[in-house]
N, C-alpha and C. Protein backbone atom coordinates (compact mmCIF):
# COMPACT_ATOMS: atom_id res chain seq x y z
N VAL A 1 24.54 0.95 2.43
CA VAL A 1 23.98 0.93 1.18
C VAL A 1 22.95 -1.01 1.21
N ALA A 2 23.78 -1.20 2.24
CA ALA A 2 22.54 -2.49 2.71
C ALA A 2 22.06 -2.39 2.20
N LYS A 3 20.80 -1.60 3.26
CA LYS A 3 20.36 -1.17 3.99
C LYS A 3 19.54 -0.46 2.32
N ASP A 4 19.83 0.19 1.59
CA ASP A 4 18.81 0.77 0.49
C ASP A 4 18.60 -0.23 -0.71
N LEU A 5 19.39 -1.07 -0.84
CA LEU A 5 19.61 -3.10 -1.71
C LEU A 5 18.57 -3.45 -1.10
N GLY A 6 18.25 -3.08 0.42
CA GLY A 6 17.77 -4.53 1.18
C GLY A 6 18.47 -5.97 1.83
N LEU A 7 19.71 -5.86 1.66
CA LEU A 7 20.36 -6.94 1.88
C LEU A 7 21.09 -7.22 3.21
N GLN A 8 21.29 -8.10 3.88
CA GLN A 8 22.12 -7.97 4.95
C GLN A 8 22.97 -7.31 4.81
N LEU A 9 23.94 -6.86 6.38
CA LEU A 9 25.94 -6.22 6.17
C LEU A 9 26.52 -7.85 4.91
N PRO A 10 26.67 -8.44 5.88
CA PRO A 10 27.24 -9.91 5.57
C PRO A 10 27.45 -10.03 4.31
N THR A 11 26.08 -10.25 3.40
CA THR A 11 25.57 -9.77 1.99
C THR A 11 27.05 -9.71 1.48
N LEU A 12 26.84 -8.20 1.79
CA LEU A 12 27.76 -7.31 0.91
C LEU A 12 28.70 -7.90 0.70
N LYS A 13 29.44 -8.49 1.32
CA LYS A 13 31.09 -8.61 1.69
C LYS A 13 30.79 -10.40 0.78
N ASP A 14 30.60 -10.79 0.73
CA ASP A 14 29.91 -12.07 0.89
C ASP A 14 29.50 -11.98 -1.10
N ARG A 15 28.56 -10.85 -1.93
CA ARG A 15 28.41 -10.54 -2.59
C ARG A 15 29.96 -9.71 -3.90
N ASP A 16 30.69 -9.66 -3.23
CA ASP A 16 31.80 -8.68 -3.89
C ASP A 16 31.47 -7.14 -4.36
N ALA A 17 30.66 -6.50 -3.33
CA ALA A 17 30.17 -4.98 -3.27
C ALA A 17 31.10 -3.68 -3.97
N HIS A 18 31.17 -3.55 -5.19
CA HIS A 18 32.10 -2.68 -4.88
C HIS A 18 31.58 -1.29 -5.65
N VAL A 19 31.91 -0.30 -5.17
CA VAL A 19 31.68 1.33 -6.18
C VAL A 19 31.98 1.39 -6.83
N PHE A 20 32.02 2.02 -8.43
CA PHE A 20 33.00 2.57 -9.45
C PHE A 20 31.80 4.16 -10.05
N ASP A 21 33.23 4.65 -10.11
CA ASP A 21 33.24 5.80 -9.74
C ASP A 21 32.96 6.24 -11.54
N THR A 22 32.56 7.23 -11.92
CA THR A 22 32.21 7.06 -13.66
C THR A 22 32.83 8.36 -13.87
N GLY A 23 33.98 8.60 -13.43
CA GLY A 23 35.42 9.67 -14.24
C GLY A 23 36.88 9.47 -13.36
N ARG A 24 37.63 9.97 -14.00
CA ARG A 24 38.89 10.00 -13.69
C ARG A 24 39.12 9.28 -11.95
N THR A 25 38.38 10.38 -11.20
CA THR A 25 39.43 10.56 -9.87
C THR A 25 38.07 9.83 -9.66
N ARG A 26 38.36 8.73 -8.10
CA ARG A 26 37.82 7.79 -6.94
C ARG A 26 37.27 8.57 -5.79
N TYR A 27 36.23 8.85 -6.08
CA TYR A 27 35.71 9.47 -4.63
C TYR A 27 35.30 8.60 -4.24
N PHE A 28 33.94 7.97 -3.84
CA PHE A 28 33.26 6.99 -2.84
C PHE A 28 34.15 5.73 -2.43
N PHE A 29 33.78 5.29 -1.59
CA PHE A 29 34.49 4.02 -0.89
C PHE A 29 32.86 2.94 -0.15
N LEU A 30 33.28 2.07 -0.36
CA LEU A 30 31.71 1.00 -0.01
C LEU A 30 32.90 0.43 1.19
N ASP A 31 32.26 0.54 2.91
CA ASP A 31 32.63 -0.07 3.47
C ASP A 31 32.06 -0.77 3.52
N LEU A 32 32.46 -1.97 4.06
CA LEU A 32 32.33 -3.42 3.98
C LEU A 32 31.68 -4.51 5.37
N GLN A 33 32.68 -4.00 6.00
CA GLN A 33 32.03 -3.96 7.53
C GLN A 33 30.59 -3.18 7.95
N ASN A 34 30.62 -2.14 7.46
CA ASN A 34 29.02 -0.93 8.12
C ASN A 34 28.25 -0.50 7.06
N GLY A 35 28.23 -0.88 5.63
CA GLY A 35 27.08 -0.55 4.97
C GLY A 35 27.55 0.44 4.28
N HIS A 36 28.40 1.25 5.04
CA HIS A 36 27.97 2.93 4.58
C HIS A 36 28.93 3.61 3.24
N LEU A 37 28.71 4.46 2.22
CA LEU A 37 29.14 5.21 1.32
C LEU A 37 29.42 5.89 1.45
N SER A 38 31.13 6.32 1.57
CA SER A 38 31.92 7.27 2.56
C SER A 38 33.18 8.32 0.86
N MET A 39 33.51 9.26 1.27
CA MET A 39 34.20 9.42 0.40
C MET A 39 35.37 9.34 0.80
N MET A 40 35.88 9.00 -0.84
CA MET A 40 37.54 9.15 0.05
C MET A 40 39.52 10.51 0.27
N GLU A 41 38.18 11.67 -0.60
CA GLU A 41 38.96 12.80 -0.62
C GLU A 41 37.93 13.88 -0.27
N GLN A 42 38.05 15.15 -0.19
CA GLN A 42 37.03 15.95 -0.06
C GLN A 42 37.40 16.55 -1.50
N VAL A 43 35.64 16.76 -2.25
CA VAL A 43 35.58 17.34 -2.97
C VAL A 43 35.65 18.38 -3.61
N ASP A 44 36.95 19.06 -4.14
CA ASP A 44 36.51 20.44 -5.19
C ASP A 44 35.36 21.26 -5.67
N ARG A 45 34.30 21.59 -5.52
CA ARG A 45 33.38 21.66 -6.76
C ARG A 45 34.06 22.50 -7.91
N GLU A 46 34.26 23.97 -6.81
CA GLU A 46 34.86 24.64 -8.73
C GLU A 46 35.72 23.83 -9.72
N GLU A 47 36.34 23.08 -9.06
CA GLU A 47 37.81 22.13 -10.29
C GLU A 47 35.88 20.94 -10.82
N ILE A 48 35.15 20.28 -10.45
CA ILE A 48 34.89 19.45 -11.22
C ILE A 48 33.84 20.33 -12.61
N CYS A 49 33.24 21.01 -11.86
CA CYS A 49 32.10 21.46 -12.93
C CYS A 49 31.32 23.49 -12.07
N ALA A 50 32.78 24.07 -12.23
CA ALA A 50 33.07 25.10 -11.97
C ALA A 50 31.94 26.10 -12.45
N ALA A 51 31.83 25.58 -14.05
CA ALA A 51 30.91 26.93 -14.76
C ALA A 51 28.78 26.45 -14.67
N VAL A 52 29.03 24.79 -13.89
CA VAL A 52 27.49 24.42 -13.92
C VAL A 52 26.29 24.79 -12.30
N ALA A 53 25.42 25.54 -12.52
CA ALA A 53 24.77 25.15 -11.06
C ALA A 53 23.97 24.43 -10.51
N LYS A 54 23.87 22.76 -11.00
CA LYS A 54 23.87 22.00 -10.38
C LYS A 54 25.53 20.77 -10.98
N CYS A 55 26.10 20.45 -9.67
CA CYS A 55 27.07 19.37 -9.77
C CYS A 55 26.28 18.07 -9.34
N VAL A 56 27.04 16.96 -10.61
CA VAL A 56 26.17 15.80 -9.97
C VAL A 56 27.43 15.09 -9.74
N LEU A 57 28.04 14.01 -8.94
CA LEU A 57 29.01 13.09 -9.32
C LEU A 57 27.99 11.40 -8.95
N ASN A 58 28.92 11.47 -10.65
CA ASN A 58 27.70 10.26 -10.94
C ASN A 58 28.88 8.42 -10.40
N PHE A 59 28.01 7.55 -9.85
CA PHE A 59 28.94 6.33 -9.77
C PHE A 59 27.98 5.06 -9.91
N GLU A 60 28.65 4.23 -9.99
CA GLU A 60 27.59 3.30 -9.71
C GLU A 60 28.16 2.08 -8.79
N ILE A 61 27.24 1.23 -8.68
CA ILE A 61 27.50 0.00 -7.14
C ILE A 61 26.89 -0.82 -7.95
N LEU A 62 28.65 -2.12 -7.69
CA LEU A 62 27.76 -3.05 -8.89
C LEU A 62 28.51 -4.73 -6.96
N VAL A 63 26.94 -5.21 -7.38
CA VAL A 63 26.90 -6.52 -6.37
C VAL A 63 26.97 -7.59 -7.25
N LYS A 64 27.79 -9.01 -6.62
CA LYS A 64 28.11 -10.45 -7.89
C LYS A 64 27.23 -10.68 -6.91
N ARG A 65 27.03 -12.27 -7.98
CA ARG A 65 26.14 -12.83 -7.69
C ARG A 65 24.02 -12.29 -8.25
N PRO A 66 23.36 -12.38 -8.79
CA PRO A 66 22.31 -12.15 -9.29
C PRO A 66 21.09 -12.11 -7.58
N MET A 67 20.22 -10.65 -7.28
CA MET A 67 19.50 -11.36 -5.95
C MET A 67 18.62 -11.67 -6.94
């Protein structure tokens, strides 16, 4: 995430970056030690979007203090 945003790794921590899932379940985790976006738990595709061919999980990354 740090690389994608063009930030140095310490900057993510200094700017208190967070991941916000748009659904009820929190699936994503932003590790501020290494800048990686990871899954918090296994995703059950059939449970989330059983009747849809294309399954999408939306999330937002909030970085405090403007770029």
